[in-house]
Amino acid sequence: MRADYEAGLNSTANSLTGTVGPDSAGIAGASVTLATLEGAVINTTQTDSSGHYVFSDVSPGYYNLTVTKLGYWPDSDPVTVTAEEPNNRGRYAVHDI
C-alpha cells in the first residue's frame, strides 16, 4: 500500500496543512514533524481521524517534513515555505513495511 501526503502552505494564516494517506483516504494517528534543514524540530503533530494535520505560525524558509506511522516506512522530504506562493505544494509517499 502506498500512502501519499501533500503539504500546502496557506500564507494568509501562516500555516502548513496537509493530509497523510493513499489518494483521498486519510491515515489517522500518523506523526508529522516539521524541522529545520539542520535538524532542529519546530513542531510535531498527529494526524486527525481523516489524516489531516496543521502547523500554525510557520515562517517562510526551508524545512524537512517527516511522516511516520507504525507499520509504514518513514519518509522525510524538504519543504519550501514562501510568502509569495500561497499554494506551495509537494507530494511525498510513505510505504508500508
C-alpha atoms as a PDB file:
ATOM      1  CA  MET A   1       0.000   0.000   0.000  1.00  0.00           C
ATOM      2  CA  ARG A   2       1.226   3.472  -0.798  1.00  0.00           C
ATOM      3  CA  ALA A   3       0.366   6.376   1.485  1.00  0.00           C
ATOM      4  CA  ASP A   4       0.837   9.813  -0.034  1.00  0.00           C
ATOM      5  CA  TYR A   5       0.907  13.068   1.812  1.00  0.00           C
ATOM      6  CA  GLU A   6       0.548  16.525   0.407  1.00  0.00           C
ATOM      7  CA  ALA A   7       1.782  19.686   2.076  1.00  0.00           C
ATOM      8  CA  GLY A   8       0.290  23.007   1.147  1.00  0.00           C
ATOM      9  CA  LEU A   9       1.043  26.456   2.523  1.00  0.00           C
ATOM     10  CA  ASN A  10      -1.758  28.823   3.416  1.00  0.00           C
ATOM     11  CA  SER A  11       0.301  32.009   3.545  1.00  0.00           C
ATOM     12  CA  THR A  12      -2.573  34.155   4.817  1.00  0.00           C
ATOM     13  CA  ALA A  13      -2.773  32.167   8.040  1.00  0.00           C
ATOM     14  CA  ASN A  14       0.966  31.287   8.054  1.00  0.00           C
ATOM     15  CA  SER A  15       0.085  27.629   8.349  1.00  0.00           C
ATOM     16  CA  LEU A  16       1.295  24.445   6.706  1.00  0.00           C
ATOM     17  CA  THR A  17      -1.502  21.934   6.183  1.00  0.00           C
ATOM     18  CA  GLY A  18      -1.829  18.579   4.523  1.00  0.00           C
ATOM     19  CA  THR A  19      -3.227  15.064   4.524  1.00  0.00           C
ATOM     20  CA  VAL A  20      -1.424  11.774   5.058  1.00  0.00           C
ATOM     21  CA  GLY A  21      -2.982   8.859   3.246  1.00  0.00           C
ATOM     22  CA  PRO A  22      -3.432   6.996  -0.011  1.00  0.00           C
ATOM     23  CA  ASP A  23      -5.419   9.014  -2.540  1.00  0.00           C
ATOM     24  CA  SER A  24      -8.303  10.719  -0.676  1.00  0.00           C
ATOM     25  CA  ALA A  25      -8.370   8.278   2.256  1.00  0.00           C
ATOM     26  CA  GLY A  26      -6.521   9.600   5.298  1.00  0.00           C
ATOM     27  CA  ILE A  27      -4.348   7.756   7.795  1.00  0.00           C
ATOM     28  CA  ALA A  28      -5.208   8.674  11.383  1.00  0.00           C
ATOM     29  CA  GLY A  29      -2.534   8.867  14.053  1.00  0.00           C
ATOM     30  CA  ALA A  30       0.476   9.431  11.794  1.00  0.00           C
ATOM     31  CA  SER A  31       3.217  11.550  13.342  1.00  0.00           C
ATOM     32  CA  VAL A  32       4.170  14.597  11.253  1.00  0.00           C
ATOM     33  CA  THR A  33       7.299  16.534  12.213  1.00  0.00           C
ATOM     34  CA  LEU A  34       8.431  19.892  10.855  1.00  0.00           C
ATOM     35  CA  ALA A  35      12.150  20.561  11.351  1.00  0.00           C
ATOM     36  CA  THR A  36      14.827  22.912  10.068  1.00  0.00           C
ATOM     37  CA  LEU A  37      17.261  21.549   7.497  1.00  0.00           C
ATOM     38  CA  GLU A  38      19.801  21.399  10.328  1.00  0.00           C
ATOM     39  CA  GLY A  39      17.503  19.018  12.227  1.00  0.00           C
ATOM     40  CA  ALA A  40      16.054  21.307  14.902  1.00  0.00           C
ATOM     41  CA  VAL A  41      12.440  20.243  15.471  1.00  0.00           C
ATOM     42  CA  ILE A  42       9.987  23.117  15.061  1.00  0.00           C
ATOM     43  CA  ASN A  43       6.879  21.119  15.961  1.00  0.00           C
ATOM     44  CA  THR A  44       5.368  17.632  15.826  1.00  0.00           C
ATOM     45  CA  THR A  45       1.682  16.828  15.467  1.00  0.00           C
ATOM     46  CA  GLN A  46      -0.550  13.816  14.887  1.00  0.00           C
ATOM     47  CA  THR A  47      -2.976  13.445  12.004  1.00  0.00           C
ATOM     48  CA  ASP A  48      -6.657  13.524  12.904  1.00  0.00           C
ATOM     49  CA  SER A  49      -9.208  10.807  12.066  1.00  0.00           C
ATOM     50  CA  SER A  50      -9.229  11.997   8.422  1.00  0.00           C
ATOM     51  CA  GLY A  51      -5.436  12.078   8.115  1.00  0.00           C
ATOM     52  CA  HIS A  52      -5.227  15.893   8.227  1.00  0.00           C
ATOM     53  CA  TYR A  53      -2.534  17.898  10.013  1.00  0.00           C
ATOM     54  CA  VAL A  54      -1.848  21.600  10.606  1.00  0.00           C
ATOM     55  CA  PHE A  55       1.244  23.539  11.637  1.00  0.00           C
ATOM     56  CA  SER A  56       0.411  27.124  12.643  1.00  0.00           C
ATOM     57  CA  ASP A  57       2.680  30.175  12.592  1.00  0.00           C
ATOM     58  CA  VAL A  58       5.191  28.774  10.087  1.00  0.00           C
ATOM     59  CA  SER A  59       7.763  31.342   8.979  1.00  0.00           C
ATOM     60  CA  PRO A  60       8.977  31.354   5.367  1.00  0.00           C
ATOM     61  CA  GLY A  61      12.037  29.142   4.989  1.00  0.00           C
ATOM     62  CA  TYR A  62      13.365  25.684   4.181  1.00  0.00           C
ATOM     63  CA  TYR A  63      12.210  22.731   6.278  1.00  0.00           C
ATOM     64  CA  ASN A  64      12.107  18.942   6.397  1.00  0.00           C
ATOM     65  CA  LEU A  65       8.664  17.387   6.738  1.00  0.00           C
ATOM     66  CA  THR A  66       8.767  13.862   8.152  1.00  0.00           C
ATOM     67  CA  VAL A  67       5.860  11.422   8.382  1.00  0.00           C
ATOM     68  CA  THR A  68       5.983   8.264  10.481  1.00  0.00           C
ATOM     69  CA  LYS A  69       3.405   5.644  11.399  1.00  0.00           C
ATOM     70  CA  LEU A  70       3.861   2.188  12.879  1.00  0.00           C
ATOM     71  CA  GLY A  71       3.662  -0.335  10.050  1.00  0.00           C
ATOM     72  CA  TYR A  72       4.836   2.142   7.387  1.00  0.00           C
ATOM     73  CA  TRP A  73       8.262   3.168   6.171  1.00  0.00           C
ATOM     74  CA  PRO A  74       9.004   6.713   7.366  1.00  0.00           C
ATOM     75  CA  ASP A  75       9.516   9.450   4.806  1.00  0.00           C
ATOM     76  CA  SER A  76      11.227  12.808   5.067  1.00  0.00           C
ATOM     77  CA  ASP A  77      11.300  15.394   2.315  1.00  0.00           C
ATOM     78  CA  PRO A  78      12.263  19.055   2.004  1.00  0.00           C
ATOM     79  CA  VAL A  79       9.500  21.662   2.028  1.00  0.00           C
ATOM     80  CA  THR A  80       9.984  25.281   0.987  1.00  0.00           C
ATOM     81  CA  VAL A  81       7.642  27.777   2.624  1.00  0.00           C
ATOM     82  CA  THR A  82       7.420  31.080   0.757  1.00  0.00           C
ATOM     83  CA  ALA A  83       5.148  34.048   1.355  1.00  0.00           C
ATOM     84  CA  GLU A  84       4.935  34.642  -2.408  1.00  0.00           C
ATOM     85  CA  GLU A  85       3.326  31.284  -3.215  1.00  0.00           C
ATOM     86  CA  PRO A  86       0.185  30.621  -1.190  1.00  0.00           C
ATOM     87  CA  ASN A  87      -0.158  27.092  -2.614  1.00  0.00           C
ATOM     88  CA  ASN A  88       3.398  25.754  -2.368  1.00  0.00           C
ATOM     89  CA  ARG A  89       2.743  22.013  -2.644  1.00  0.00           C
ATOM     90  CA  GLY A  90       4.777  18.834  -2.642  1.00  0.00           C
ATOM     91  CA  ARG A  91       3.711  15.216  -2.852  1.00  0.00           C
ATOM     92  CA  TYR A  92       5.546  12.504  -0.952  1.00  0.00           C
ATOM     93  CA  ALA A  93       4.984   8.878  -0.035  1.00  0.00           C
ATOM     94  CA  VAL A  94       5.320   6.567   2.937  1.00  0.00           C
ATOM     95  CA  HIS A  95       5.132   2.838   2.237  1.00  0.00           C
ATOM     96  CA  ASP A  96       4.009   0.039   4.492  1.00  0.00           C
ATOM     97  CA  ILE A  97       6.638  -2.372   5.758  1.00  0.00           C
END
